[in-house]
Amino acid sequence: MFKIAINVDKNFGEPVQIITSTGKHSFNLNHRALMKILLTKELRDVPVVLLSVAGAFRKGKSFLLNFILRYLITNDITNASEPDNLRGFSWSVGANRHTTGIWLWNKPIMYKPSKDEEVAILLMDTQGVFDSKSVIKECATIFALSTLLSSVQIYNLAGNIQDDDLQFLQVFTEYGRLALKETNQTPFQTLHILVRDWSYPYEFPYGEAGGQKLLEDCLQVNRNLAEEKKQLRIHLQSCYERITCFLLPHPGFKVATDPTFKGQLSDIEPDFVNSMRELLSHLVAKENLTPKKINGRLITCRDLFHYFKVFVDVYADDQIPSPKTIFLATAEANHISALMAAKDYYSKEIEKICGPLRPYVSPDILSKQHQRIFEDATEYYKKIPKIGEQKFGQSYLNNLTDQIQKEFKTVTKKNESKGRKLLTSFQPMTILFIIVFVIIAIIAIG
């Protein structure tokens, strides 16, 4: 089994709500909370695995995430150093909706898939869809944000894979077709379909093997299917790099019906615990913990911050956006990310020439070095794979040029200030030299 090399902060961490409901069936992004997680100096340039759980309300999404969290930290779900109760994301028993908006665990878990790689794993919990308090737009927004932002999405289903469950993915297959046509890259990465409370182990056994057989059966395209359903299955399989399915048994009636249940592992059915252990081993396998990519490019934590902003904005209107609108938003975020990377390259390189710790540089040398680094940064931007190059490319290249020129003006002023200070420091020595020279001259004449 693939083992993760883990660095866990002594502080266990906590869930932080980064997308909140306005109470009017729309959502706001908590920029400050998201910045504290993604834009730290240690994480902003690190590739990210975003694992999200989405699906209907009251089906154990937060409960599942706490198992995943414990497993990532301890490589097991029963560990002597951990309390018996499941802790982490907030959850409760009962019939009413518990989670609202979208939550992130604020302590990304670092692991090294190889000696030269380091990746941050982020866990994301989402509001359950199809509850009595939510409208279709609200459900579509939550599910869309989970799908568009995650690199690993767990689609949490109860009982079986229904045709309606596949239909809910249809808008993303339309988006996927646009992305495939433009980039020739598979738009989405890993989709894990998790069927909870599976009641037919005599047909398909619990676990990954039974799940894959059920998935093959559900996605099979045959002549008896309506044309719309055929196309949905074909496009769904073309839009994901990897689709898997796993069947979980029921956790037991104490879990489902006892209001005093607090997540004690001892109260959960052994079959469920064993199947959960198998599921978690499957989820954290190296081939399944896929870092986020868009158009073939690895996405860093800083990039992810910009994608959060763009996607939340595109779903801010009263109407559900069309696949083309989502695609254009992705393209724009793609260019913003490329611009920031190229600008960061310029900043780091010019700092090596004329940073705060560097000495004064003559204007001529500084100008030549700026021009060289500017050309390199422009080339760096152009080489980054981007979606919608024809629509956005020149506009963002001009934007990059403007930002670099503004930074160069700031660098030039700071360099001139260094020059003035240098001159000032030489003035007393110059006066002293003149006095000594005059004294020597007088003595020589006398």
Foldseek 3Di string as FASTA:
>chain_A
DDAWPWDADPPNFAKDFQWADPLPLAIDGNLVLLCLQQVDPVFVFAFEAEEEEAEAFPQCRQVLVLQLSCCNVPVASDDPVDDLFRDHYDDAADDDWDDAHKIKGRTFIWGAPDPPHIYTYIYMYFTGPDDPSHDPLSSLLRVVCQQQQHQEYEYEAEAADDPVSLVSCQLVLVLQVVQCVQQVDQAHEEYEYEYEQHDCCVCFNFFFRSFQVRVCVCLDDDPVDDPVSVVSSVSVVSNYPYYTYGYAHYQDVCVRPPRPDRRRPVSTDPSRSVSSSRVSVVCPDPSNSDGDDGSRHGAGSNLSSLLSVLSSVLSRDPDGDHSVSVNVSQQVSQLVRLLVVLLVQLVVQLCVVQNPPDAADDPVVSVVSLVVSLVVSLVSSVPRDGGPCVPCVVVSSVVSVVVSVVVSVVSVVVSVVSVVVVVVVCVVVVVVVVVVVVVVVVVVVD
